[in-house]
Amino acid sequence: AAALREALPEIGLDRMVLETDAPYLAPVPHRGTRNESAYIPLIRDCVAATLGMPADEVERITDANASKIFGE
């Protein structure tokens, strides 16, 4: 997890989407349980804290990225 946090600034938020495709990689504090979309705010908050930006900005950007990918 630490290596991923270190990689986030290098990846760039413009290339990220938030998802739950890894069913057995739920975020802390839900480790050991099945991942679900209700946990996406926890992932958003971790990304925001790691990048030092507001959570609502991370959400706006990653939502726009997902719309580009999925054409919504």
PDB file of N, CA and C in Angstrom:
ATOM      1  N   ALA A   1       0.825  -1.196   0.000  1.00  0.00           N
ATOM      2  CA  ALA A   1       0.000   0.000   0.000  1.00  0.00           C
ATOM      3  C   ALA A   1       0.866   1.257   0.000  1.00  0.00           C
ATOM      4  N   ALA A   2       1.971   1.226   0.714  1.00  0.00           N
ATOM      5  CA  ALA A   2       2.841   2.405   0.758  1.00  0.00           C
ATOM      6  C   ALA A   2       3.434   2.694  -0.615  1.00  0.00           C
ATOM      7  N   ALA A   3       3.810   1.649  -1.341  1.00  0.00           N
ATOM      8  CA  ALA A   3       4.381   1.839  -2.674  1.00  0.00           C
ATOM      9  C   ALA A   3       3.355   2.455  -3.620  1.00  0.00           C
ATOM     10  N   LEU A   4       2.107   2.045  -3.481  1.00  0.00           N
ATOM     11  CA  LEU A   4       1.058   2.619  -4.323  1.00  0.00           C
ATOM     12  C   LEU A   4       0.865   4.092  -4.003  1.00  0.00           C
ATOM     13  N   ARG A   5       0.864   4.434  -2.729  1.00  0.00           N
ATOM     14  CA  ARG A   5       0.731   5.849  -2.352  1.00  0.00           C
ATOM     15  C   ARG A   5       1.881   6.678  -2.915  1.00  0.00           C
ATOM     16  N   GLU A   6       3.083   6.115  -2.910  1.00  0.00           N
ATOM     17  CA  GLU A   6       4.236   6.823  -3.467  1.00  0.00           C
ATOM     18  C   GLU A   6       4.093   6.992  -4.975  1.00  0.00           C
ATOM     19  N   ALA A   7       3.425   6.052  -5.636  1.00  0.00           N
ATOM     20  CA  ALA A   7       3.277   6.100  -7.096  1.00  0.00           C
ATOM     21  C   ALA A   7       2.180   7.061  -7.548  1.00  0.00           C
ATOM     22  N   LEU A   8       1.217   7.367  -6.688  1.00  0.00           N
ATOM     23  CA  LEU A   8       0.085   8.196  -7.094  1.00  0.00           C
ATOM     24  C   LEU A   8       0.493   9.516  -7.740  1.00  0.00           C
ATOM     25  N   PRO A   9       1.417  10.272  -7.166  1.00  0.00           N
ATOM     26  CA  PRO A   9       1.799  11.538  -7.820  1.00  0.00           C
ATOM     27  C   PRO A   9       2.428  11.318  -9.196  1.00  0.00           C
ATOM     28  N   GLU A  10       3.128  10.219  -9.365  1.00  0.00           N
ATOM     29  CA  GLU A  10       3.755   9.920 -10.656  1.00  0.00           C
ATOM     30  C   GLU A  10       2.715   9.510 -11.698  1.00  0.00           C
ATOM     31  N   ILE A  11       1.685   8.799 -11.267  1.00  0.00           N
ATOM     32  CA  ILE A  11       0.633   8.341 -12.181  1.00  0.00           C
ATOM     33  C   ILE A  11      -0.152   9.536 -12.704  1.00  0.00           C
ATOM     34  N   GLY A  12      -0.522  10.429 -11.804  1.00  0.00           N
ATOM     35  CA  GLY A  12      -1.309  11.606 -12.167  1.00  0.00           C
ATOM     36  C   GLY A  12      -2.793  11.332 -12.076  1.00  0.00           C
ATOM     37  N   LEU A  13      -3.496  12.232 -11.440  1.00  0.00           N
ATOM     38  CA  LEU A  13      -4.932  12.077 -11.228  1.00  0.00           C
ATOM     39  C   LEU A  13      -5.704  12.046 -12.544  1.00  0.00           C
ATOM     40  N   ASP A  14      -5.150  12.668 -13.569  1.00  0.00           N
ATOM     41  CA  ASP A  14      -5.822  12.673 -14.869  1.00  0.00           C
ATOM     42  C   ASP A  14      -5.857  11.290 -15.517  1.00  0.00           C
ATOM     43  N   ARG A  15      -5.155  10.313 -14.926  1.00  0.00           N
ATOM     44  CA  ARG A  15      -5.135   8.942 -15.453  1.00  0.00           C
ATOM     45  C   ARG A  15      -5.730   7.935 -14.473  1.00  0.00           C
ATOM     46  N   MET A  16      -6.517   8.410 -13.512  1.00  0.00           N
ATOM     47  CA  MET A  16      -7.074   7.517 -12.493  1.00  0.00           C
ATOM     48  C   MET A  16      -8.594   7.473 -12.544  1.00  0.00           C
ATOM     49  N   VAL A  17      -9.122   6.295 -12.221  1.00  0.00           N
ATOM     50  CA  VAL A  17     -10.534   6.128 -11.904  1.00  0.00           C
ATOM     51  C   VAL A  17     -10.596   5.377 -10.583  1.00  0.00           C
ATOM     52  N   LEU A  18     -11.672   5.531  -9.871  1.00  0.00           N
ATOM     53  CA  LEU A  18     -11.863   4.818  -8.611  1.00  0.00           C
ATOM     54  C   LEU A  18     -12.853   3.690  -8.866  1.00  0.00           C
ATOM     55  N   GLU A  19     -12.486   2.481  -8.468  1.00  0.00           N
ATOM     56  CA  GLU A  19     -13.332   1.335  -8.760  1.00  0.00           C
ATOM     57  C   GLU A  19     -13.173   0.268  -7.685  1.00  0.00           C
ATOM     58  N   THR A  20     -13.978  -0.777  -7.789  1.00  0.00           N
ATOM     59  CA  THR A  20     -13.941  -1.870  -6.813  1.00  0.00           C
ATOM     60  C   THR A  20     -13.847  -3.230  -7.508  1.00  0.00           C
ATOM     61  N   ASP A  21     -13.111  -3.293  -8.612  1.00  0.00           N
ATOM     62  CA  ASP A  21     -12.980  -4.546  -9.352  1.00  0.00           C
ATOM     63  C   ASP A  21     -12.201  -5.621  -8.609  1.00  0.00           C
ATOM     64  N   ALA A  22     -11.441  -5.258  -7.615  1.00  0.00           N
ATOM     65  CA  ALA A  22     -10.676  -6.238  -6.845  1.00  0.00           C
ATOM     66  C   ALA A  22     -11.536  -6.668  -5.651  1.00  0.00           C
ATOM     67  N   PRO A  23     -12.311  -7.737  -5.803  1.00  0.00           N
ATOM     68  CA  PRO A  23     -13.290  -8.079  -4.770  1.00  0.00           C
ATOM     69  C   PRO A  23     -12.704  -8.432  -3.410  1.00  0.00           C
ATOM     70  N   TYR A  24     -11.434  -8.811  -3.357  1.00  0.00           N
ATOM     71  CA  TYR A  24     -10.856  -9.191  -2.076  1.00  0.00           C
ATOM     72  C   TYR A  24      -9.762  -8.236  -1.620  1.00  0.00           C
ATOM     73  N   LEU A  25      -9.770  -7.026  -2.142  1.00  0.00           N
ATOM     74  CA  LEU A  25      -8.814  -6.003  -1.719  1.00  0.00           C
ATOM     75  C   LEU A  25      -9.558  -4.778  -1.190  1.00  0.00           C
ATOM     76  N   ALA A  26     -10.419  -4.996  -0.230  1.00  0.00           N
ATOM     77  CA  ALA A  26     -11.170  -3.890   0.376  1.00  0.00           C
ATOM     78  C   ALA A  26     -10.208  -2.965   1.120  1.00  0.00           C
ATOM     79  N   PRO A  27     -10.519  -1.668   1.125  1.00  0.00           N
ATOM     80  CA  PRO A  27      -9.637  -0.722   1.820  1.00  0.00           C
ATOM     81  C   PRO A  27      -9.754  -0.858   3.335  1.00  0.00           C
ATOM     82  N   VAL A  28      -8.725  -0.400   4.023  1.00  0.00           N
ATOM     83  CA  VAL A  28      -8.768  -0.300   5.483  1.00  0.00           C
ATOM     84  C   VAL A  28      -9.896   0.660   5.811  1.00  0.00           C
ATOM     85  N   PRO A  29     -10.773   0.429   6.697  1.00  0.00           N
ATOM     86  CA  PRO A  29     -10.768  -0.563   7.766  1.00  0.00           C
ATOM     87  C   PRO A  29     -11.554  -1.841   7.439  1.00  0.00           C
ATOM     88  N   HIS A  30     -11.773  -2.119   6.179  1.00  0.00           N
ATOM     89  CA  HIS A  30     -12.593  -3.269   5.788  1.00  0.00           C
ATOM     90  C   HIS A  30     -11.776  -4.426   5.232  1.00  0.00           C
ATOM     91  N   ARG A  31     -10.452  -4.398   5.431  1.00  0.00           N
ATOM     92  CA  ARG A  31      -9.602  -5.493   4.966  1.00  0.00           C
ATOM     93  C   ARG A  31     -10.162  -6.822   5.468  1.00  0.00           C
ATOM     94  N   GLY A  32     -10.112  -7.820   4.601  1.00  0.00           N
ATOM     95  CA  GLY A  32     -10.607  -9.139   4.985  1.00  0.00           C
ATOM     96  C   GLY A  32     -12.063  -9.357   4.633  1.00  0.00           C
ATOM     97  N   THR A  33     -12.749  -8.313   4.172  1.00  0.00           N
ATOM     98  CA  THR A  33     -14.134  -8.459   3.743  1.00  0.00           C
ATOM     99  C   THR A  33     -14.192  -8.250   2.231  1.00  0.00           C
ATOM    100  N   ARG A  34     -15.310  -8.584   1.645  1.00  0.00           N
ATOM    101  CA  ARG A  34     -15.482  -8.401   0.205  1.00  0.00           C
ATOM    102  C   ARG A  34     -15.589  -6.902  -0.108  1.00  0.00           C
ATOM    103  N   ASN A  35     -14.882  -6.475  -1.124  1.00  0.00           N
ATOM    104  CA  ASN A  35     -14.899  -5.075  -1.541  1.00  0.00           C
ATOM    105  C   ASN A  35     -16.267  -4.738  -2.135  1.00  0.00           C
ATOM    106  N   GLU A  36     -16.698  -3.520  -1.962  1.00  0.00           N
ATOM    107  CA  GLU A  36     -17.977  -3.086  -2.522  1.00  0.00           C
ATOM    108  C   GLU A  36     -17.912  -1.604  -2.838  1.00  0.00           C
ATOM    109  N   SER A  37     -18.793  -1.166  -3.704  1.00  0.00           N
ATOM    110  CA  SER A  37     -18.760   0.226  -4.166  1.00  0.00           C
ATOM    111  C   SER A  37     -18.995   1.230  -3.040  1.00  0.00           C
ATOM    112  N   ALA A  38     -19.594   0.819  -1.954  1.00  0.00           N
ATOM    113  CA  ALA A  38     -19.799   1.716  -0.814  1.00  0.00           C
ATOM    114  C   ALA A  38     -18.471   2.176  -0.210  1.00  0.00           C
ATOM    115  N   TYR A  39     -17.368   1.489  -0.545  1.00  0.00           N
ATOM    116  CA  TYR A  39     -16.059   1.848   0.000  1.00  0.00           C
ATOM    117  C   TYR A  39     -15.305   2.858  -0.866  1.00  0.00           C
ATOM    118  N   ILE A  40     -15.843   3.219  -2.006  1.00  0.00           N
ATOM    119  CA  ILE A  40     -15.149   4.149  -2.884  1.00  0.00           C
ATOM    120  C   ILE A  40     -14.843   5.479  -2.183  1.00  0.00           C
ATOM    121  N   PRO A  41     -15.725   6.014  -1.346  1.00  0.00           N
ATOM    122  CA  PRO A  41     -15.348   7.255  -0.639  1.00  0.00           C
ATOM    123  C   PRO A  41     -14.093   7.105   0.221  1.00  0.00           C
ATOM    124  N   LEU A  42     -13.849   5.926   0.765  1.00  0.00           N
ATOM    125  CA  LEU A  42     -12.625   5.704   1.541  1.00  0.00           C
ATOM    126  C   LEU A  42     -11.398   5.771   0.639  1.00  0.00           C
ATOM    127  N   ILE A  43     -11.519   5.202  -0.550  1.00  0.00           N
ATOM    128  CA  ILE A  43     -10.430   5.230  -1.516  1.00  0.00           C
ATOM    129  C   ILE A  43     -10.197   6.666  -1.980  1.00  0.00           C
ATOM    130  N   ARG A  44     -11.288   7.374  -2.284  1.00  0.00           N
ATOM    131  CA  ARG A  44     -11.197   8.789  -2.690  1.00  0.00           C
ATOM    132  C   ARG A  44     -10.478   9.606  -1.622  1.00  0.00           C
ATOM    133  N   ASP A  45     -10.854   9.401  -0.368  1.00  0.00           N
ATOM    134  CA  ASP A  45     -10.258  10.170   0.724  1.00  0.00           C
ATOM    135  C   ASP A  45      -8.766   9.870   0.875  1.00  0.00           C
ATOM    136  N   CYS A  46      -8.376   8.613   0.682  1.00  0.00           N
ATOM    137  CA  CYS A  46      -6.966   8.236   0.765  1.00  0.00           C
ATOM    138  C   CYS A  46      -6.176   8.876  -0.376  1.00  0.00           C
ATOM    139  N   VAL A  47      -6.723   8.837  -1.587  1.00  0.00           N
ATOM    140  CA  VAL A  47      -6.068   9.471  -2.732  1.00  0.00           C
ATOM    141  C   VAL A  47      -5.934  10.972  -2.480  1.00  0.00           C
ATOM    142  N   ALA A  48      -6.998  11.595  -1.997  1.00  0.00           N
ATOM    143  CA  ALA A  48      -6.970  13.036  -1.721  1.00  0.00           C
ATOM    144  C   ALA A  48      -5.911  13.383  -0.681  1.00  0.00           C
ATOM    145  N   ALA A  49      -5.858  12.626   0.394  1.00  0.00           N
ATOM    146  CA  ALA A  49      -4.865  12.886   1.443  1.00  0.00           C
ATOM    147  C   ALA A  49      -3.449  12.689   0.909  1.00  0.00           C
ATOM    148  N   THR A  50      -3.267  11.653   0.112  1.00  0.00           N
ATOM    149  CA  THR A  50      -1.944  11.370  -0.447  1.00  0.00           C
ATOM    150  C   THR A  50      -1.489  12.474  -1.384  1.00  0.00           C
ATOM    151  N   LEU A  51      -2.418  12.990  -2.182  1.00  0.00           N
ATOM    152  CA  LEU A  51      -2.067  14.035  -3.148  1.00  0.00           C
ATOM    153  C   LEU A  51      -2.189  15.445  -2.574  1.00  0.00           C
ATOM    154  N   GLY A  52      -2.691  15.560  -1.339  1.00  0.00           N
ATOM    155  CA  GLY A  52      -2.822  16.872  -0.699  1.00  0.00           C
ATOM    156  C   GLY A  52      -3.837  17.756  -1.371  1.00  0.00           C
ATOM    157  N   MET A  53      -4.967  17.175  -1.731  1.00  0.00           N
ATOM    158  CA  MET A  53      -6.011  17.962  -2.392  1.00  0.00           C
ATOM    159  C   MET A  53      -7.367  17.610  -1.804  1.00  0.00           C
ATOM    160  N   PRO A  54      -8.380  18.440  -2.031  1.00  0.00           N
ATOM    161  CA  PRO A  54      -9.708  18.177  -1.474  1.00  0.00           C
ATOM    162  C   PRO A  54     -10.334  16.916  -2.084  1.00  0.00           C
ATOM    163  N   ALA A  55     -11.046  16.174  -1.269  1.00  0.00           N
ATOM    164  CA  ALA A  55     -11.697  14.944  -1.716  1.00  0.00           C
ATOM    165  C   ALA A  55     -12.700  15.218  -2.832  1.00  0.00           C
ATOM    166  N   ASP A  56     -13.409  16.343  -2.759  1.00  0.00           N
ATOM    167  CA  ASP A  56     -14.398  16.621  -3.805  1.00  0.00           C
ATOM    168  C   ASP A  56     -13.740  16.876  -5.159  1.00  0.00           C
ATOM    169  N   GLU A  57     -12.516  17.391  -5.161  1.00  0.00           N
ATOM    170  CA  GLU A  57     -11.782  17.590  -6.412  1.00  0.00           C
ATOM    171  C   GLU A  57     -11.328  16.245  -6.996  1.00  0.00           C
ATOM    172  N   VAL A  58     -10.859  15.347  -6.136  1.00  0.00           N
ATOM    173  CA  VAL A  58     -10.498  13.994  -6.586  1.00  0.00           C
ATOM    174  C   VAL A  58     -11.725  13.316  -7.185  1.00  0.00           C
ATOM    175  N   GLU A  59     -12.850  13.448  -6.520  1.00  0.00           N
ATOM    176  CA  GLU A  59     -14.091  12.838  -7.018  1.00  0.00           C
ATOM    177  C   GLU A  59     -14.491  13.424  -8.370  1.00  0.00           C
ATOM    178  N   ARG A  60     -14.426  14.730  -8.502  1.00  0.00           N
ATOM    179  CA  ARG A  60     -14.804  15.374  -9.754  1.00  0.00           C
ATOM    180  C   ARG A  60     -13.921  14.905 -10.910  1.00  0.00           C
ATOM    181  N   ILE A  61     -12.624  14.869 -10.673  1.00  0.00           N
ATOM    182  CA  ILE A  61     -11.684  14.485 -11.731  1.00  0.00           C
ATOM    183  C   ILE A  61     -11.823  13.008 -12.082  1.00  0.00           C
ATOM    184  N   THR A  62     -11.899  12.140 -11.089  1.00  0.00           N
ATOM    185  CA  THR A  62     -11.997  10.705 -11.387  1.00  0.00           C
ATOM    186  C   THR A  62     -13.350  10.358 -11.997  1.00  0.00           C
ATOM    187  N   ASP A  63     -14.399  11.062 -11.619  1.00  0.00           N
ATOM    188  CA  ASP A  63     -15.699  10.851 -12.268  1.00  0.00           C
ATOM    189  C   ASP A  63     -15.630  11.249 -13.739  1.00  0.00           C
ATOM    190  N   ALA A  64     -14.984  12.372 -14.029  1.00  0.00           N
ATOM    191  CA  ALA A  64     -14.829  12.812 -15.424  1.00  0.00           C
ATOM    192  C   ALA A  64     -13.992  11.809 -16.215  1.00  0.00           C
ATOM    193  N   ASN A  65     -12.952  11.262 -15.602  1.00  0.00           N
ATOM    194  CA  ASN A  65     -12.132  10.244 -16.263  1.00  0.00           C
ATOM    195  C   ASN A  65     -12.968   9.011 -16.593  1.00  0.00           C
ATOM    196  N   ALA A  66     -13.788   8.573 -15.647  1.00  0.00           N
ATOM    197  CA  ALA A  66     -14.634   7.398 -15.873  1.00  0.00           C
ATOM    198  C   ALA A  66     -15.642   7.676 -16.998  1.00  0.00           C
ATOM    199  N   SER A  67     -16.180   8.878 -17.029  1.00  0.00           N
ATOM    200  CA  SER A  67     -17.115   9.230 -18.101  1.00  0.00           C
ATOM    201  C   SER A  67     -16.442   9.181 -19.472  1.00  0.00           C
ATOM    202  N   LYS A  68     -15.195   9.626 -19.536  1.00  0.00           N
ATOM    203  CA  LYS A  68     -14.446   9.559 -20.798  1.00  0.00           C
ATOM    204  C   LYS A  68     -14.245   8.108 -21.230  1.00  0.00           C
ATOM    205  N   ILE A  69     -13.897   7.266 -20.280  1.00  0.00           N
ATOM    206  CA  ILE A  69     -13.629   5.859 -20.601  1.00  0.00           C
ATOM    207  C   ILE A  69     -14.899   5.125 -21.017  1.00  0.00           C
ATOM    208  N   PHE A  70     -15.966   5.329 -20.267  1.00  0.00           N
ATOM    209  CA  PHE A  70     -17.191   4.571 -20.477  1.00  0.00           C
ATOM    210  C   PHE A  70     -18.230   5.300 -21.316  1.00  0.00           C
ATOM    211  N   GLY A  71     -17.900   6.517 -21.748  1.00  0.00           N
ATOM    212  CA  GLY A  71     -18.779   7.267 -22.637  1.00  0.00           C
ATOM    213  C   GLY A  71     -20.086   7.689 -22.033  1.00  0.00           C
ATOM    214  N   GLU A  72     -20.078   8.001 -20.779  1.00  0.00           N
ATOM    215  CA  GLU A  72     -21.318   8.423 -20.115  1.00  0.00           C
ATOM    216  C   GLU A  72     -21.345   9.924 -19.962  1.00  0.00           C
TER     217      GLU A  72
END
